[in-house]
Structures are given as structure tokens and as C-alpha cells.
Amino acid sequence: MSDPLCRPHWERAAASPRMSTAEERFAAIREFFLQQLKMAGSSRRELYSFPKAGAPSGEKTERDVVLEWARCDAAVNDILLGIQRAFEKAEERGDVVTSFRYCEPHIVNTVTEGARRRRC
């Protein structure tokens, strides 16, 4: 069996849905999102850390949005599943995911579904 610490952050996150720190959660979410972008053909290697050109001042960067998700109480597994669903839906529609913001509605849905499952 391989050493679990040698696996990518997102695989460790899947094995441990409640990671202990926001930094670990952020790394797992960031790595998984960038991996999905790569698999979809994007050459991006990092989250955007500057606001979109022409965006109102004070608008959150992509990095800020991911960090907010990392700090919330949702299970990392549910967040990763939402990201995966966003890419699947985009492919079905012939769309391209260009930003983490595209994933947010899908994340909200999977986090809500996960919370319902855990209550039952």
C-alpha cells in the first residue's frame, strides 16, 4: 500500500473529508480544480489572484473564492464532487470552465445534498 502522504492533496481530501486546517483544504480544492482544468485542455497552472479586467473594485479574486470554500464547514469531498460535476455539465453542454466561479452553483448543490444525506 502506498504512503497516503505521497498522494495529491485532493486524493487525501477524498480519504479524509474533514481536513484539519483551511490551508490543507485550500490546497486540496485548488489542486483538484487545476487538475480538472488540465484534463479539460486548459494550460492554466494557478488560480487567478487578480480581479477580472473591468471588474468593480473590491470584487473577489478566484483565489479568494476558493479560500472562502476552504474555510467553510462543508466536507471537502462534497466540494470536490461539485467541481467534478461542473466540468461534466460543461462538457455535456459544449461549454468550457474558465473560472472557479462556474463551479460554485454545482458545489452548493452537492454540499446541500451531502448535508441532507448526513441528516437522514
PDB file of N, CA and C in Angstrom:
ATOM      1  N   MET A   1       0.842  -1.180   0.000  1.00  0.00           N
ATOM      2  CA  MET A   1       0.000   0.000   0.000  1.00  0.00           C
ATOM      3  C   MET A   1       0.883   1.238   0.000  1.00  0.00           C
ATOM      4  N   SER A   2       0.509   2.249  -0.786  1.00  0.00           N
ATOM      5  CA  SER A   2       1.331   3.446  -0.881  1.00  0.00           C
ATOM      6  C   SER A   2       1.135   4.354   0.324  1.00  0.00           C
ATOM      7  N   ASP A   3       2.135   5.170   0.575  1.00  0.00           N
ATOM      8  CA  ASP A   3       2.098   6.128   1.679  1.00  0.00           C
ATOM      9  C   ASP A   3       1.050   7.186   1.378  1.00  0.00           C
ATOM     10  N   PRO A   4       0.036   7.380   2.247  1.00  0.00           N
ATOM     11  CA  PRO A   4      -1.018   8.347   1.955  1.00  0.00           C
ATOM     12  C   PRO A   4      -0.505   9.776   1.838  1.00  0.00           C
ATOM     13  N   LEU A   5       0.627  10.094   2.427  1.00  0.00           N
ATOM     14  CA  LEU A   5       1.164  11.442   2.339  1.00  0.00           C
ATOM     15  C   LEU A   5       1.796  11.717   0.982  1.00  0.00           C
ATOM     16  N   CYS A   6       2.022  10.661   0.186  1.00  0.00           N
ATOM     17  CA  CYS A   6       2.596  10.830  -1.143  1.00  0.00           C
ATOM     18  C   CYS A   6       1.517  11.081  -2.198  1.00  0.00           C
ATOM     19  N   ARG A   7       0.262  10.939  -1.819  1.00  0.00           N
ATOM     20  CA  ARG A   7      -0.831  11.174  -2.767  1.00  0.00           C
ATOM     21  C   ARG A   7      -1.094  12.666  -2.906  1.00  0.00           C
ATOM     22  N   PRO A   8      -1.681  13.088  -4.020  1.00  0.00           N
ATOM     23  CA  PRO A   8      -2.027  14.505  -4.177  1.00  0.00           C
ATOM     24  C   PRO A   8      -2.990  14.945  -3.082  1.00  0.00           C
ATOM     25  N   HIS A   9      -3.018  16.258  -2.811  1.00  0.00           N
ATOM     26  CA  HIS A   9      -3.891  16.808  -1.769  1.00  0.00           C
ATOM     27  C   HIS A   9      -5.337  16.390  -1.974  1.00  0.00           C
ATOM     28  N   TRP A  10      -5.817  16.448  -3.223  1.00  0.00           N
ATOM     29  CA  TRP A  10      -7.226  16.154  -3.442  1.00  0.00           C
ATOM     30  C   TRP A  10      -7.556  14.697  -3.158  1.00  0.00           C
ATOM     31  N   GLU A  11      -6.609  13.776  -3.362  1.00  0.00           N
ATOM     32  CA  GLU A  11      -6.865  12.375  -3.018  1.00  0.00           C
ATOM     33  C   GLU A  11      -6.886  12.196  -1.511  1.00  0.00           C
ATOM     34  N   ARG A  12      -5.998  12.902  -0.813  1.00  0.00           N
ATOM     35  CA  ARG A  12      -6.025  12.837   0.652  1.00  0.00           C
ATOM     36  C   ARG A  12      -7.327  13.435   1.168  1.00  0.00           C
ATOM     37  N   ALA A  13      -7.811  14.486   0.514  1.00  0.00           N
ATOM     38  CA  ALA A  13      -9.065  15.114   0.919  1.00  0.00           C
ATOM     39  C   ALA A  13     -10.221  14.137   0.771  1.00  0.00           C
ATOM     40  N   ALA A  14     -10.214  13.380  -0.316  1.00  0.00           N
ATOM     41  CA  ALA A  14     -11.282  12.410  -0.529  1.00  0.00           C
ATOM     42  C   ALA A  14     -11.254  11.333   0.541  1.00  0.00           C
ATOM     43  N   ALA A  15     -10.073  10.975   0.999  1.00  0.00           N
ATOM     44  CA  ALA A  15      -9.943   9.960   2.039  1.00  0.00           C
ATOM     45  C   ALA A  15     -10.308  10.530   3.408  1.00  0.00           C
ATOM     46  N   SER A  16     -10.165  11.839   3.581  1.00  0.00           N
ATOM     47  CA  SER A  16     -10.447  12.491   4.852  1.00  0.00           C
ATOM     48  C   SER A  16     -11.281  13.740   4.591  1.00  0.00           C
ATOM     49  N   PRO A  17     -12.617  13.596   4.522  1.00  0.00           N
ATOM     50  CA  PRO A  17     -13.472  14.710   4.123  1.00  0.00           C
ATOM     51  C   PRO A  17     -13.376  15.935   5.034  1.00  0.00           C
ATOM     52  N   ARG A  18     -12.977  15.799   6.248  1.00  0.00           N
ATOM     53  CA  ARG A  18     -12.866  16.930   7.170  1.00  0.00           C
ATOM     54  C   ARG A  18     -11.395  17.168   7.492  1.00  0.00           C
ATOM     55  N   MET A  19     -10.712  17.825   6.590  1.00  0.00           N
ATOM     56  CA  MET A  19      -9.301  18.130   6.812  1.00  0.00           C
ATOM     57  C   MET A  19      -9.201  19.144   7.937  1.00  0.00           C
ATOM     58  N   SER A  20      -8.075  19.177   8.600  1.00  0.00           N
ATOM     59  CA  SER A  20      -7.980  19.952   9.831  1.00  0.00           C
ATOM     60  C   SER A  20      -7.794  21.449   9.648  1.00  0.00           C
ATOM     61  N   THR A  21      -7.107  21.900   8.627  1.00  0.00           N
ATOM     62  CA  THR A  21      -6.858  23.334   8.509  1.00  0.00           C
ATOM     63  C   THR A  21      -7.370  23.874   7.184  1.00  0.00           C
ATOM     64  N   ALA A  22      -7.656  25.165   7.187  1.00  0.00           N
ATOM     65  CA  ALA A  22      -8.107  25.821   5.959  1.00  0.00           C
ATOM     66  C   ALA A  22      -7.029  25.742   4.889  1.00  0.00           C
ATOM     67  N   GLU A  23      -5.750  25.774   5.306  1.00  0.00           N
ATOM     68  CA  GLU A  23      -4.653  25.698   4.334  1.00  0.00           C
ATOM     69  C   GLU A  23      -4.648  24.352   3.620  1.00  0.00           C
ATOM     70  N   GLU A  24      -4.862  23.273   4.369  1.00  0.00           N
ATOM     71  CA  GLU A  24      -4.917  21.935   3.758  1.00  0.00           C
ATOM     72  C   GLU A  24      -6.113  21.834   2.819  1.00  0.00           C
ATOM     73  N   ARG A  25      -7.240  22.341   3.270  1.00  0.00           N
ATOM     74  CA  ARG A  25      -8.457  22.297   2.466  1.00  0.00           C
ATOM     75  C   ARG A  25      -8.273  23.126   1.189  1.00  0.00           C
ATOM     76  N   PHE A  26      -7.686  24.318   1.339  1.00  0.00           N
ATOM     77  CA  PHE A  26      -7.435  25.181   0.186  1.00  0.00           C
ATOM     78  C   PHE A  26      -6.537  24.465  -0.821  1.00  0.00           C
ATOM     79  N   ALA A  27      -5.461  23.856  -0.338  1.00  0.00           N
ATOM     80  CA  ALA A  27      -4.526  23.159  -1.229  1.00  0.00           C
ATOM     81  C   ALA A  27      -5.225  22.022  -1.976  1.00  0.00           C
ATOM     82  N   ALA A  28      -6.077  21.284  -1.273  1.00  0.00           N
ATOM     83  CA  ALA A  28      -6.784  20.165  -1.901  1.00  0.00           C
ATOM     84  C   ALA A  28      -7.758  20.662  -2.969  1.00  0.00           C
ATOM     85  N   ILE A  29      -8.528  21.690  -2.642  1.00  0.00           N
ATOM     86  CA  ILE A  29      -9.516  22.225  -3.582  1.00  0.00           C
ATOM     87  C   ILE A  29      -8.810  22.830  -4.782  1.00  0.00           C
ATOM     88  N   ARG A  30      -7.775  23.625  -4.538  1.00  0.00           N
ATOM     89  CA  ARG A  30      -7.005  24.276  -5.604  1.00  0.00           C
ATOM     90  C   ARG A  30      -6.409  23.237  -6.550  1.00  0.00           C
ATOM     91  N   GLU A  31      -5.760  22.235  -5.973  1.00  0.00           N
ATOM     92  CA  GLU A  31      -5.102  21.214  -6.781  1.00  0.00           C
ATOM     93  C   GLU A  31      -6.112  20.437  -7.626  1.00  0.00           C
ATOM     94  N   PHE A  32      -7.257  20.091  -7.035  1.00  0.00           N
ATOM     95  CA  PHE A  32      -8.265  19.339  -7.771  1.00  0.00           C
ATOM     96  C   PHE A  32      -8.842  20.179  -8.909  1.00  0.00           C
ATOM     97  N   PHE A  33      -9.153  21.447  -8.637  1.00  0.00           N
ATOM     98  CA  PHE A  33      -9.694  22.331  -9.670  1.00  0.00           C
ATOM     99  C   PHE A  33      -8.708  22.488 -10.819  1.00  0.00           C
ATOM    100  N   LEU A  34      -7.450  22.729 -10.503  1.00  0.00           N
ATOM    101  CA  LEU A  34      -6.447  22.898 -11.557  1.00  0.00           C
ATOM    102  C   LEU A  34      -6.247  21.602 -12.343  1.00  0.00           C
ATOM    103  N   GLN A  35      -6.345  20.471 -11.665  1.00  0.00           N
ATOM    104  CA  GLN A  35      -6.238  19.180 -12.359  1.00  0.00           C
ATOM    105  C   GLN A  35      -7.405  19.000 -13.329  1.00  0.00           C
ATOM    106  N   GLN A  36      -8.602  19.392 -12.897  1.00  0.00           N
ATOM    107  CA  GLN A  36      -9.768  19.296 -13.782  1.00  0.00           C
ATOM    108  C   GLN A  36      -9.607  20.221 -14.991  1.00  0.00           C
ATOM    109  N   LEU A  37      -9.085  21.432 -14.751  1.00  0.00           N
ATOM    110  CA  LEU A  37      -8.819  22.346 -15.876  1.00  0.00           C
ATOM    111  C   LEU A  37      -7.853  21.708 -16.870  1.00  0.00           C
ATOM    112  N   LYS A  38      -6.797  21.119 -16.334  1.00  0.00           N
ATOM    113  CA  LYS A  38      -5.785  20.486 -17.188  1.00  0.00           C
ATOM    114  C   LYS A  38      -6.404  19.354 -18.012  1.00  0.00           C
ATOM    115  N   MET A  39      -7.214  18.528 -17.359  1.00  0.00           N
ATOM    116  CA  MET A  39      -7.859  17.415 -18.057  1.00  0.00           C
ATOM    117  C   MET A  39      -8.826  17.913 -19.136  1.00  0.00           C
ATOM    118  N   ALA A  40      -9.351  19.128 -18.940  1.00  0.00           N
ATOM    119  CA  ALA A  40     -10.263  19.714 -19.921  1.00  0.00           C
ATOM    120  C   ALA A  40      -9.514  20.454 -21.029  1.00  0.00           C
ATOM    121  N   GLY A  41      -8.182  20.456 -20.957  1.00  0.00           N
ATOM    122  CA  GLY A  41      -7.387  21.049 -22.030  1.00  0.00           C
ATOM    123  C   GLY A  41      -6.844  22.435 -21.745  1.00  0.00           C
ATOM    124  N   SER A  42      -7.040  22.947 -20.544  1.00  0.00           N
ATOM    125  CA  SER A  42      -6.538  24.279 -20.203  1.00  0.00           C
ATOM    126  C   SER A  42      -5.057  24.206 -19.840  1.00  0.00           C
ATOM    127  N   SER A  43      -4.357  25.269 -20.124  1.00  0.00           N
ATOM    128  CA  SER A  43      -2.937  25.322 -19.774  1.00  0.00           C
ATOM    129  C   SER A  43      -2.693  26.089 -18.475  1.00  0.00           C
ATOM    130  N   ARG A  44      -3.758  26.541 -17.826  1.00  0.00           N
ATOM    131  CA  ARG A  44      -3.608  27.280 -16.568  1.00  0.00           C
ATOM    132  C   ARG A  44      -2.956  26.421 -15.509  1.00  0.00           C
ATOM    133  N   ARG A  45      -2.090  27.052 -14.728  1.00  0.00           N
ATOM    134  CA  ARG A  45      -1.389  26.322 -13.675  1.00  0.00           C
ATOM    135  C   ARG A  45      -1.609  26.929 -12.300  1.00  0.00           C
ATOM    136  N   GLU A  46      -2.405  28.006 -12.243  1.00  0.00           N
ATOM    137  CA  GLU A  46      -2.628  28.680 -10.972  1.00  0.00           C
ATOM    138  C   GLU A  46      -3.987  29.368 -10.978  1.00  0.00           C
ATOM    139  N   LEU A  47      -4.496  29.616  -9.782  1.00  0.00           N
ATOM    140  CA  LEU A  47      -5.734  30.371  -9.644  1.00  0.00           C
ATOM    141  C   LEU A  47      -5.458  31.832  -9.956  1.00  0.00           C
ATOM    142  N   TYR A  48      -6.456  32.521 -10.457  1.00  0.00           N
ATOM    143  CA  TYR A  48      -6.305  33.954 -10.684  1.00  0.00           C
ATOM    144  C   TYR A  48      -6.249  34.656  -9.333  1.00  0.00           C
ATOM    145  N   SER A  49      -5.247  35.488  -9.153  1.00  0.00           N
ATOM    146  CA  SER A  49      -5.112  36.213  -7.887  1.00  0.00           C
ATOM    147  C   SER A  49      -5.306  37.715  -8.078  1.00  0.00           C
ATOM    148  N   PHE A  50      -5.811  38.089  -9.261  1.00  0.00           N
ATOM    149  CA  PHE A  50      -6.128  39.486  -9.552  1.00  0.00           C
ATOM    150  C   PHE A  50      -7.568  39.533 -10.043  1.00  0.00           C
ATOM    151  N   PRO A  51      -8.278  40.619  -9.743  1.00  0.00           N
ATOM    152  CA  PRO A  51      -9.661  40.731 -10.249  1.00  0.00           C
ATOM    153  C   PRO A  51      -9.683  40.754 -11.768  1.00  0.00           C
ATOM    154  N   LYS A  52     -10.808  40.327 -12.315  1.00  0.00           N
ATOM    155  CA  LYS A  52     -11.014  40.336 -13.758  1.00  0.00           C
ATOM    156  C   LYS A  52     -10.914  41.773 -14.274  1.00  0.00           C
ATOM    157  N   ALA A  53     -10.361  41.954 -15.447  1.00  0.00           N
ATOM    158  CA  ALA A  53     -10.266  43.293 -16.040  1.00  0.00           C
ATOM    159  C   ALA A  53     -11.653  43.915 -16.141  1.00  0.00           C
ATOM    160  N   GLY A  54     -11.779  45.134 -15.687  1.00  0.00           N
ATOM    161  CA  GLY A  54     -13.049  45.842 -15.744  1.00  0.00           C
ATOM    162  C   GLY A  54     -13.998  45.512 -14.613  1.00  0.00           C
ATOM    163  N   ALA A  55     -13.581  44.636 -13.701  1.00  0.00           N
ATOM    164  CA  ALA A  55     -14.441  44.267 -12.573  1.00  0.00           C
ATOM    165  C   ALA A  55     -14.514  45.420 -11.576  1.00  0.00           C
ATOM    166  N   PRO A  56     -15.642  45.527 -10.881  1.00  0.00           N
ATOM    167  CA  PRO A  56     -15.755  46.575  -9.871  1.00  0.00           C
ATOM    168  C   PRO A  56     -14.688  46.407  -8.788  1.00  0.00           C
ATOM    169  N   SER A  57     -14.244  47.529  -8.245  1.00  0.00           N
ATOM    170  CA  SER A  57     -13.220  47.420  -7.201  1.00  0.00           C
ATOM    171  C   SER A  57     -13.800  46.650  -6.021  1.00  0.00           C
ATOM    172  N   GLY A  58     -12.982  45.881  -5.407  1.00  0.00           N
ATOM    173  CA  GLY A  58     -13.417  45.065  -4.273  1.00  0.00           C
ATOM    174  C   GLY A  58     -13.971  43.707  -4.659  1.00  0.00           C
ATOM    175  N   GLU A  59     -14.089  43.417  -5.955  1.00  0.00           N
ATOM    176  CA  GLU A  59     -14.574  42.097  -6.367  1.00  0.00           C
ATOM    177  C   GLU A  59     -13.542  41.054  -5.970  1.00  0.00           C
ATOM    178  N   LYS A  60     -14.030  39.928  -5.484  1.00  0.00           N
ATOM    179  CA  LYS A  60     -13.144  38.858  -5.032  1.00  0.00           C
ATOM    180  C   LYS A  60     -12.405  38.230  -6.209  1.00  0.00           C
ATOM    181  N   THR A  61     -11.179  37.829  -5.942  1.00  0.00           N
ATOM    182  CA  THR A  61     -10.415  37.095  -6.944  1.00  0.00           C
ATOM    183  C   THR A  61     -10.819  35.632  -6.882  1.00  0.00           C
ATOM    184  N   GLU A  62     -10.417  34.876  -7.878  1.00  0.00           N
ATOM    185  CA  GLU A  62     -10.697  33.445  -7.888  1.00  0.00           C
ATOM    186  C   GLU A  62     -10.059  32.780  -6.665  1.00  0.00           C
ATOM    187  N   ARG A  63      -8.874  33.223  -6.324  1.00  0.00           N
ATOM    188  CA  ARG A  63      -8.168  32.683  -5.151  1.00  0.00           C
ATOM    189  C   ARG A  63      -8.973  32.945  -3.877  1.00  0.00           C
ATOM    190  N   ASP A  64      -9.552  34.149  -3.756  1.00  0.00           N
ATOM    191  CA  ASP A  64     -10.375  34.495  -2.594  1.00  0.00           C
ATOM    192  C   ASP A  64     -11.595  33.587  -2.486  1.00  0.00           C
ATOM    193  N   VAL A  65     -12.218  33.307  -3.631  1.00  0.00           N
ATOM    194  CA  VAL A  65     -13.414  32.463  -3.644  1.00  0.00           C
ATOM    195  C   VAL A  65     -13.063  31.048  -3.190  1.00  0.00           C
ATOM    196  N   VAL A  66     -11.970  30.516  -3.684  1.00  0.00           N
ATOM    197  CA  VAL A  66     -11.553  29.173  -3.274  1.00  0.00           C
ATOM    198  C   VAL A  66     -11.219  29.160  -1.783  1.00  0.00           C
ATOM    199  N   LEU A  67     -10.568  30.191  -1.309  1.00  0.00           N
ATOM    200  CA  LEU A  67     -10.227  30.279   0.107  1.00  0.00           C
ATOM    201  C   LEU A  67     -11.483  30.324   0.982  1.00  0.00           C
ATOM    202  N   GLU A  68     -12.525  31.012   0.526  1.00  0.00           N
ATOM    203  CA  GLU A  68     -13.781  31.029   1.282  1.00  0.00           C
ATOM    204  C   GLU A  68     -14.367  29.624   1.406  1.00  0.00           C
ATOM    205  N   TRP A  69     -14.328  28.873   0.309  1.00  0.00           N
ATOM    206  CA  TRP A  69     -14.826  27.496   0.364  1.00  0.00           C
ATOM    207  C   TRP A  69     -13.963  26.649   1.293  1.00  0.00           C
ATOM    208  N   ALA A  70     -12.669  26.891   1.296  1.00  0.00           N
ATOM    209  CA  ALA A  70     -11.772  26.126   2.172  1.00  0.00           C
ATOM    210  C   ALA A  70     -12.056  26.410   3.637  1.00  0.00           C
ATOM    211  N   ARG A  71     -12.504  27.601   3.929  1.00  0.00           N
ATOM    212  CA  ARG A  71     -12.764  27.999   5.321  1.00  0.00           C
ATOM    213  C   ARG A  71     -14.149  27.605   5.804  1.00  0.00           C
ATOM    214  N   CYS A  72     -15.043  27.242   4.890  1.00  0.00           N
ATOM    215  CA  CYS A  72     -16.405  26.904   5.311  1.00  0.00           C
ATOM    216  C   CYS A  72     -16.433  25.499   5.913  1.00  0.00           C
ATOM    217  N   ASP A  73     -17.567  25.152   6.468  1.00  0.00           N
ATOM    218  CA  ASP A  73     -17.694  23.886   7.192  1.00  0.00           C
ATOM    219  C   ASP A  73     -18.101  22.712   6.296  1.00  0.00           C
ATOM    220  N   ALA A  74     -18.196  22.923   5.012  1.00  0.00           N
ATOM    221  CA  ALA A  74     -18.609  21.853   4.096  1.00  0.00           C
ATOM    222  C   ALA A  74     -17.510  20.792   3.986  1.00  0.00           C
ATOM    223  N   ALA A  75     -17.924  19.555   3.769  1.00  0.00           N
ATOM    224  CA  ALA A  75     -16.970  18.464   3.573  1.00  0.00           C
ATOM    225  C   ALA A  75     -16.204  18.680   2.272  1.00  0.00           C
ATOM    226  N   VAL A  76     -14.905  18.521   2.320  1.00  0.00           N
ATOM    227  CA  VAL A  76     -14.071  18.698   1.127  1.00  0.00           C
ATOM    228  C   VAL A  76     -14.533  17.763   0.016  1.00  0.00           C
ATOM    229  N   ASN A  77     -14.918  16.568   0.379  1.00  0.00           N
ATOM    230  CA  ASN A  77     -15.405  15.603  -0.613  1.00  0.00           C
ATOM    231  C   ASN A  77     -16.567  16.173  -1.409  1.00  0.00           C
ATOM    232  N   ASP A  78     -17.504  16.843  -0.719  1.00  0.00           N
ATOM    233  CA  ASP A  78     -18.656  17.433  -1.394  1.00  0.00           C
ATOM    234  C   ASP A  78     -18.221  18.574  -2.322  1.00  0.00           C
ATOM    235  N   ILE A  79     -17.259  19.365  -1.882  1.00  0.00           N
ATOM    236  CA  ILE A  79     -16.753  20.465  -2.711  1.00  0.00           C
ATOM    237  C   ILE A  79     -16.101  19.907  -3.981  1.00  0.00           C
ATOM    238  N   LEU A  80     -15.282  18.869  -3.814  1.00  0.00           N
ATOM    239  CA  LEU A  80     -14.612  18.272  -4.979  1.00  0.00           C
ATOM    240  C   LEU A  80     -15.615  17.649  -5.937  1.00  0.00           C
ATOM    241  N   LEU A  81     -16.646  17.022  -5.387  1.00  0.00           N
ATOM    242  CA  LEU A  81     -17.685  16.433  -6.230  1.00  0.00           C
ATOM    243  C   LEU A  81     -18.405  17.527  -7.018  1.00  0.00           C
ATOM    244  N   GLY A  82     -18.651  18.671  -6.386  1.00  0.00           N
ATOM    245  CA  GLY A  82     -19.281  19.790  -7.083  1.00  0.00           C
ATOM    246  C   GLY A  82     -18.428  20.293  -8.232  1.00  0.00           C
ATOM    247  N   ILE A  83     -17.125  20.367  -8.002  1.00  0.00           N
ATOM    248  CA  ILE A  83     -16.203  20.792  -9.066  1.00  0.00           C
ATOM    249  C   ILE A  83     -16.258  19.801 -10.223  1.00  0.00           C
ATOM    250  N   GLN A  84     -16.218  18.519  -9.891  1.00  0.00           N
ATOM    251  CA  GLN A  84     -16.265  17.482 -10.925  1.00  0.00           C
ATOM    252  C   GLN A  84     -17.565  17.583 -11.718  1.00  0.00           C
ATOM    253  N   ARG A  85     -18.682  17.772 -11.029  1.00  0.00           N
ATOM    254  CA  ARG A  85     -19.972  17.889 -11.722  1.00  0.00           C
ATOM    255  C   ARG A  85     -20.004  19.103 -12.642  1.00  0.00           C
ATOM    256  N   ALA A  86     -19.391  20.204 -12.205  1.00  0.00           N
ATOM    257  CA  ALA A  86     -19.358  21.411 -13.042  1.00  0.00           C
ATOM    258  C   ALA A  86     -18.653  21.126 -14.368  1.00  0.00           C
ATOM    259  N   PHE A  87     -17.537  20.421 -14.295  1.00  0.00           N
ATOM    260  CA  PHE A  87     -16.807  20.098 -15.526  1.00  0.00           C
ATOM    261  C   PHE A  87     -17.596  19.122 -16.391  1.00  0.00           C
ATOM    262  N   GLU A  88     -18.284  18.167 -15.771  1.00  0.00           N
ATOM    263  CA  GLU A  88     -19.095  17.217 -16.535  1.00  0.00           C
ATOM    264  C   GLU A  88     -20.246  17.931 -17.245  1.00  0.00           C
ATOM    265  N   LYS A  89     -20.927  18.822 -16.519  1.00  0.00           N
ATOM    266  CA  LYS A  89     -22.046  19.565 -17.110  1.00  0.00           C
ATOM    267  C   LYS A  89     -21.564  20.476 -18.239  1.00  0.00           C
ATOM    268  N   ALA A  90     -20.431  21.124 -18.032  1.00  0.00           N
ATOM    269  CA  ALA A  90     -19.885  21.999 -19.074  1.00  0.00           C
ATOM    270  C   ALA A  90     -19.602  21.188 -20.336  1.00  0.00           C
ATOM    271  N   GLU A  91     -19.022  20.018 -20.159  1.00  0.00           N
ATOM    272  CA  GLU A  91     -18.717  19.172 -21.322  1.00  0.00           C
ATOM    273  C   GLU A  91     -19.995  18.744 -22.037  1.00  0.00           C
ATOM    274  N   GLU A  92     -21.026  18.365 -21.254  1.00  0.00           N
ATOM    275  CA  GLU A  92     -22.304  17.969 -21.854  1.00  0.00           C
ATOM    276  C   GLU A  92     -22.894  19.094 -22.701  1.00  0.00           C
ATOM    277  N   ARG A  93     -22.745  20.328 -22.236  1.00  0.00           N
ATOM    278  CA  ARG A  93     -23.316  21.494 -22.930  1.00  0.00           C
ATOM    279  C   ARG A  93     -22.416  22.035 -24.030  1.00  0.00           C
ATOM    280  N   GLY A  94     -21.193  21.539 -24.102  1.00  0.00           N
ATOM    281  CA  GLY A  94     -20.241  22.075 -25.056  1.00  0.00           C
ATOM    282  C   GLY A  94     -19.604  23.365 -24.558  1.00  0.00           C
ATOM    283  N   ASP A  95     -19.704  23.614 -23.252  1.00  0.00           N
ATOM    284  CA  ASP A  95     -19.110  24.803 -22.636  1.00  0.00           C
ATOM    285  C   ASP A  95     -17.709  24.482 -22.134  1.00  0.00           C
ATOM    286  N   VAL A  96     -17.031  25.519 -21.700  1.00  0.00           N
ATOM    287  CA  VAL A  96     -15.695  25.374 -21.133  1.00  0.00           C
ATOM    288  C   VAL A  96     -15.671  26.075 -19.780  1.00  0.00           C
ATOM    289  N   VAL A  97     -15.164  25.404 -18.771  1.00  0.00           N
ATOM    290  CA  VAL A  97     -14.997  26.033 -17.462  1.00  0.00           C
ATOM    291  C   VAL A  97     -13.754  26.908 -17.543  1.00  0.00           C
ATOM    292  N   THR A  98     -13.930  28.196 -17.286  1.00  0.00           N
ATOM    293  CA  THR A  98     -12.805  29.118 -17.347  1.00  0.00           C
ATOM    294  C   THR A  98     -12.485  29.727 -15.993  1.00  0.00           C
ATOM    295  N   SER A  99     -13.371  29.493 -15.027  1.00  0.00           N
ATOM    296  CA  SER A  99     -13.187  30.091 -13.713  1.00  0.00           C
ATOM    297  C   SER A  99     -13.810  29.198 -12.646  1.00  0.00           C
ATOM    298  N   PHE A 100     -13.295  29.298 -11.443  1.00  0.00           N
ATOM    299  CA  PHE A 100     -13.855  28.546 -10.324  1.00  0.00           C
ATOM    300  C   PHE A 100     -15.299  28.971 -10.063  1.00  0.00           C
ATOM    301  N   ARG A 101     -15.631  30.211 -10.379  1.00  0.00           N
ATOM    302  CA  ARG A 101     -16.997  30.704 -10.154  1.00  0.00           C
ATOM    303  C   ARG A 101     -18.034  29.869 -10.907  1.00  0.00           C
ATOM    304  N   TYR A 102     -17.659  29.300 -12.034  1.00  0.00           N
ATOM    305  CA  TYR A 102     -18.558  28.429 -12.795  1.00  0.00           C
ATOM    306  C   TYR A 102     -18.944  27.212 -11.950  1.00  0.00           C
ATOM    307  N   CYS A 103     -18.061  26.797 -11.066  1.00  0.00           N
ATOM    308  CA  CYS A 103     -18.280  25.604 -10.249  1.00  0.00           C
ATOM    309  C   CYS A 103     -19.174  25.855  -9.039  1.00  0.00           C
ATOM    310  N   GLU A 104     -19.268  27.100  -8.612  1.00  0.00           N
ATOM    311  CA  GLU A 104     -19.959  27.379  -7.352  1.00  0.00           C
ATOM    312  C   GLU A 104     -21.399  26.863  -7.266  1.00  0.00           C
ATOM    313  N   PRO A 105     -22.253  27.059  -8.271  1.00  0.00           N
ATOM    314  CA  PRO A 105     -23.614  26.513  -8.136  1.00  0.00           C
ATOM    315  C   PRO A 105     -23.622  24.986  -7.978  1.00  0.00           C
ATOM    316  N   HIS A 106     -22.710  24.319  -8.635  1.00  0.00           N
ATOM    317  CA  HIS A 106     -22.621  22.861  -8.544  1.00  0.00           C
ATOM    318  C   HIS A 106     -22.114  22.448  -7.159  1.00  0.00           C
ATOM    319  N   ILE A 107     -21.193  23.219  -6.615  1.00  0.00           N
ATOM    320  CA  ILE A 107     -20.689  22.949  -5.265  1.00  0.00           C
ATOM    321  C   ILE A 107     -21.807  23.131  -4.253  1.00  0.00           C
ATOM    322  N   VAL A 108     -22.557  24.219  -4.384  1.00  0.00           N
ATOM    323  CA  VAL A 108     -23.672  24.466  -3.466  1.00  0.00           C
ATOM    324  C   VAL A 108     -24.641  23.286  -3.495  1.00  0.00           C
ATOM    325  N   ASN A 109     -24.958  22.801  -4.685  1.00  0.00           N
ATOM    326  CA  ASN A 109     -25.882  21.662  -4.806  1.00  0.00           C
ATOM    327  C   ASN A 109     -25.330  20.408  -4.130  1.00  0.00           C
ATOM    328  N   THR A 110     -24.071  20.088  -4.352  1.00  0.00           N
ATOM    329  CA  THR A 110     -23.525  18.858  -3.762  1.00  0.00           C
ATOM    330  C   THR A 110     -23.347  18.993  -2.257  1.00  0.00           C
ATOM    331  N   VAL A 111     -22.989  20.179  -1.781  1.00  0.00           N
ATOM    332  CA  VAL A 111     -22.862  20.387  -0.335  1.00  0.00           C
ATOM    333  C   VAL A 111     -24.236  20.236   0.328  1.00  0.00           C
ATOM    334  N   THR A 112     -25.257  20.788  -0.306  1.00  0.00           N
ATOM    335  CA  THR A 112     -26.627  20.674   0.222  1.00  0.00           C
ATOM    336  C   THR A 112     -27.076  19.222   0.231  1.00  0.00           C
ATOM    337  N   GLU A 113     -26.818  18.512  -0.879  1.00  0.00           N
ATOM    338  CA  GLU A 113     -27.172  17.085  -0.946  1.00  0.00           C
ATOM    339  C   GLU A 113     -26.445  16.298   0.139  1.00  0.00           C
ATOM    340  N   GLY A 114     -25.154  16.585   0.315  1.00  0.00           N
ATOM    341  CA  GLY A 114     -24.362  15.881   1.322  1.00  0.00           C
ATOM    342  C   GLY A 114     -24.886  16.129   2.726  1.00  0.00           C
ATOM    343  N   ALA A 115     -25.283  17.358   3.011  1.00  0.00           N
ATOM    344  CA  ALA A 115     -25.820  17.682   4.331  1.00  0.00           C
ATOM    345  C   ALA A 115     -27.130  16.944   4.569  1.00  0.00           C
ATOM    346  N   ARG A 116     -27.964  16.856   3.531  1.00  0.00           N
ATOM    347  CA  ARG A 116     -29.241  16.114   3.666  1.00  0.00           C
ATOM    348  C   ARG A 116     -28.998  14.635   3.939  1.00  0.00           C
ATOM    349  N   ARG A 117     -28.036  14.065   3.201  1.00  0.00           N
ATOM    350  CA  ARG A 117     -27.714  12.636   3.400  1.00  0.00           C
ATOM    351  C   ARG A 117     -27.241  12.366   4.809  1.00  0.00           C
ATOM    352  N   ARG A 118     -26.424  13.256   5.332  1.00  0.00           N
ATOM    353  CA  ARG A 118     -25.875  13.033   6.667  1.00  0.00           C
ATOM    354  C   ARG A 118     -26.923  13.197   7.768  1.00  0.00           C
ATOM    355  N   ARG A 119     -27.977  13.983   7.513  1.00  0.00           N
ATOM    356  CA  ARG A 119     -29.048  14.163   8.499  1.00  0.00           C
ATOM    357  C   ARG A 119     -29.959  12.953   8.573  1.00  0.00           C
ATOM    358  N   CYS A 120     -30.102  12.229   7.476  1.00  0.00           N
ATOM    359  CA  CYS A 120     -31.029  11.090   7.424  1.00  0.00           C
ATOM    360  C   CYS A 120     -30.489   9.886   8.150  1.00  0.00           C
TER     361      CYS A 120
END
